[in-house]
Amino acid sequence: MSALEHYDDELARLDREMAYYAAICGVDLSDHEAVEECLRHPQDNWPEDKARESLRGLILLRVKIEGEMLDDGQVAKDFNGW
């Protein structure tokens, strides 16, 4: 499996998980403001909200993987307009 295929598979799995947790949390992943709010302002009660905590972690992981792809000269496919 090439590095590109590996990244594509990894991102596809992350995207599915992100969509799952976003649905549970009521976060529209195409709403950039809502996603950025999730990343910037974790609330005090979020650690008790496992779905929202998981969504936040998955978003951060996707950003990290996209950074690795850029370092390798690759570009990730868009996710909901991102």
C-alpha atoms as a PDB file:
ATOM      1  CA  MET A   1       0.000   0.000   0.000  1.00  0.00           C
ATOM      2  CA  SER A   2       1.405   3.370  -0.979  1.00  0.00           C
ATOM      3  CA  ALA A   3       1.642   6.255   1.465  1.00  0.00           C
ATOM      4  CA  LEU A   4      -1.176   8.031  -0.397  1.00  0.00           C
ATOM      5  CA  GLU A   5      -3.474   4.999  -0.104  1.00  0.00           C
ATOM      6  CA  HIS A   6      -2.579   4.717   3.579  1.00  0.00           C
ATOM      7  CA  TYR A   7      -3.451   8.372   4.180  1.00  0.00           C
ATOM      8  CA  ASP A   8      -6.666   8.111   2.157  1.00  0.00           C
ATOM      9  CA  ASP A   9      -7.786   5.046   4.120  1.00  0.00           C
ATOM     10  CA  GLU A  10      -6.897   6.682   7.425  1.00  0.00           C
ATOM     11  CA  LEU A  11      -8.772   9.880   6.568  1.00  0.00           C
ATOM     12  CA  ALA A  12     -11.804   7.926   5.345  1.00  0.00           C
ATOM     13  CA  ARG A  13     -11.983   6.083   8.679  1.00  0.00           C
ATOM     14  CA  LEU A  14     -11.577   9.333  10.608  1.00  0.00           C
ATOM     15  CA  ASP A  15     -14.237  11.056   8.513  1.00  0.00           C
ATOM     16  CA  ARG A  16     -16.736   8.262   9.222  1.00  0.00           C
ATOM     17  CA  GLU A  17     -16.044   8.439  12.956  1.00  0.00           C
ATOM     18  CA  MET A  18     -16.243  12.233  12.934  1.00  0.00           C
ATOM     19  CA  ALA A  19     -19.608  12.104  11.152  1.00  0.00           C
ATOM     20  CA  TYR A  20     -20.875   9.575  13.708  1.00  0.00           C
ATOM     21  CA  TYR A  21     -19.873  11.647  16.742  1.00  0.00           C
ATOM     22  CA  ALA A  22     -20.989  14.899  15.125  1.00  0.00           C
ATOM     23  CA  ALA A  23     -24.455  13.402  14.623  1.00  0.00           C
ATOM     24  CA  ILE A  24     -24.600  12.382  18.293  1.00  0.00           C
ATOM     25  CA  CYS A  25     -23.475  15.863  19.384  1.00  0.00           C
ATOM     26  CA  GLY A  26     -25.654  17.762  16.931  1.00  0.00           C
ATOM     27  CA  VAL A  27     -22.618  19.458  15.375  1.00  0.00           C
ATOM     28  CA  ASP A  28     -22.887  20.190  11.648  1.00  0.00           C
ATOM     29  CA  LEU A  29     -19.412  19.486  10.284  1.00  0.00           C
ATOM     30  CA  SER A  30     -20.053  21.762   7.304  1.00  0.00           C
ATOM     31  CA  ASP A  31     -20.649  24.659   9.728  1.00  0.00           C
ATOM     32  CA  HIS A  32     -17.102  25.928  10.149  1.00  0.00           C
ATOM     33  CA  GLU A  33     -18.057  28.205  13.010  1.00  0.00           C
ATOM     34  CA  ALA A  34     -19.568  25.327  15.023  1.00  0.00           C
ATOM     35  CA  VAL A  35     -16.510  23.134  14.453  1.00  0.00           C
ATOM     36  CA  GLU A  36     -14.100  25.928  15.358  1.00  0.00           C
ATOM     37  CA  GLU A  37     -16.131  26.591  18.506  1.00  0.00           C
ATOM     38  CA  CYS A  38     -15.773  22.926  19.434  1.00  0.00           C
ATOM     39  CA  LEU A  39     -11.990  23.204  19.036  1.00  0.00           C
ATOM     40  CA  ARG A  40     -11.455  26.597  20.678  1.00  0.00           C
ATOM     41  CA  HIS A  41     -13.780  26.530  23.616  1.00  0.00           C
ATOM     42  CA  PRO A  42     -14.091  23.198  25.334  1.00  0.00           C
ATOM     43  CA  GLN A  43     -16.643  23.584  28.086  1.00  0.00           C
ATOM     44  CA  ASP A  44     -16.202  22.486  31.677  1.00  0.00           C
ATOM     45  CA  ASN A  45     -18.752  19.715  31.295  1.00  0.00           C
ATOM     46  CA  TRP A  46     -17.274  18.326  28.043  1.00  0.00           C
ATOM     47  CA  PRO A  47     -15.003  15.764  29.721  1.00  0.00           C
ATOM     48  CA  GLU A  48     -18.202  14.102  30.901  1.00  0.00           C
ATOM     49  CA  ASP A  49     -19.597  14.245  27.370  1.00  0.00           C
ATOM     50  CA  LYS A  50     -17.630  11.420  25.759  1.00  0.00           C
ATOM     51  CA  ALA A  51     -19.079  11.904  22.278  1.00  0.00           C
ATOM     52  CA  ARG A  52     -18.091  15.574  22.126  1.00  0.00           C
ATOM     53  CA  GLU A  53     -14.678  14.824  23.588  1.00  0.00           C
ATOM     54  CA  SER A  54     -14.187  12.092  20.974  1.00  0.00           C
ATOM     55  CA  LEU A  55     -15.270  14.411  18.159  1.00  0.00           C
ATOM     56  CA  ARG A  56     -12.814  17.079  19.269  1.00  0.00           C
ATOM     57  CA  GLY A  57      -9.974  14.538  19.411  1.00  0.00           C
ATOM     58  CA  LEU A  58     -10.802  13.164  15.967  1.00  0.00           C
ATOM     59  CA  ILE A  59     -10.838  16.650  14.445  1.00  0.00           C
ATOM     60  CA  LEU A  60      -7.432  17.386  15.951  1.00  0.00           C
ATOM     61  CA  LEU A  61      -6.102  14.037  14.718  1.00  0.00           C
ATOM     62  CA  ARG A  62      -7.344  14.762  11.183  1.00  0.00           C
ATOM     63  CA  VAL A  63      -5.562  18.119  11.212  1.00  0.00           C
ATOM     64  CA  LYS A  64      -2.353  16.384  12.346  1.00  0.00           C
ATOM     65  CA  ILE A  65      -2.597  13.782   9.572  1.00  0.00           C
ATOM     66  CA  GLU A  66      -3.243  16.498   6.990  1.00  0.00           C
ATOM     67  CA  GLY A  67      -0.082  18.246   8.226  1.00  0.00           C
ATOM     68  CA  GLU A  68       1.904  15.034   7.759  1.00  0.00           C
ATOM     69  CA  MET A  69       0.483  14.711   4.258  1.00  0.00           C
ATOM     70  CA  LEU A  70       1.580  18.246   3.407  1.00  0.00           C
ATOM     71  CA  ASP A  71       5.053  17.461   4.746  1.00  0.00           C
ATOM     72  CA  ASP A  72       5.101  14.476   2.361  1.00  0.00           C
ATOM     73  CA  GLY A  73       3.982  16.651  -0.574  1.00  0.00           C
ATOM     74  CA  GLN A  74       0.408  15.327  -0.625  1.00  0.00           C
ATOM     75  CA  VAL A  75      -2.918  17.090  -0.289  1.00  0.00           C
ATOM     76  CA  ALA A  76      -5.888  15.673   1.603  1.00  0.00           C
ATOM     77  CA  LYS A  77      -9.330  15.487   0.051  1.00  0.00           C
ATOM     78  CA  ASP A  78     -11.770  18.107   1.314  1.00  0.00           C
ATOM     79  CA  PHE A  79     -14.012  17.180   4.196  1.00  0.00           C
ATOM     80  CA  ASN A  80     -17.312  19.070   4.254  1.00  0.00           C
ATOM     81  CA  GLY A  81     -15.798  22.127   2.624  1.00  0.00           C
ATOM     82  CA  TRP A  82     -12.679  22.215   4.784  1.00  0.00           C
END
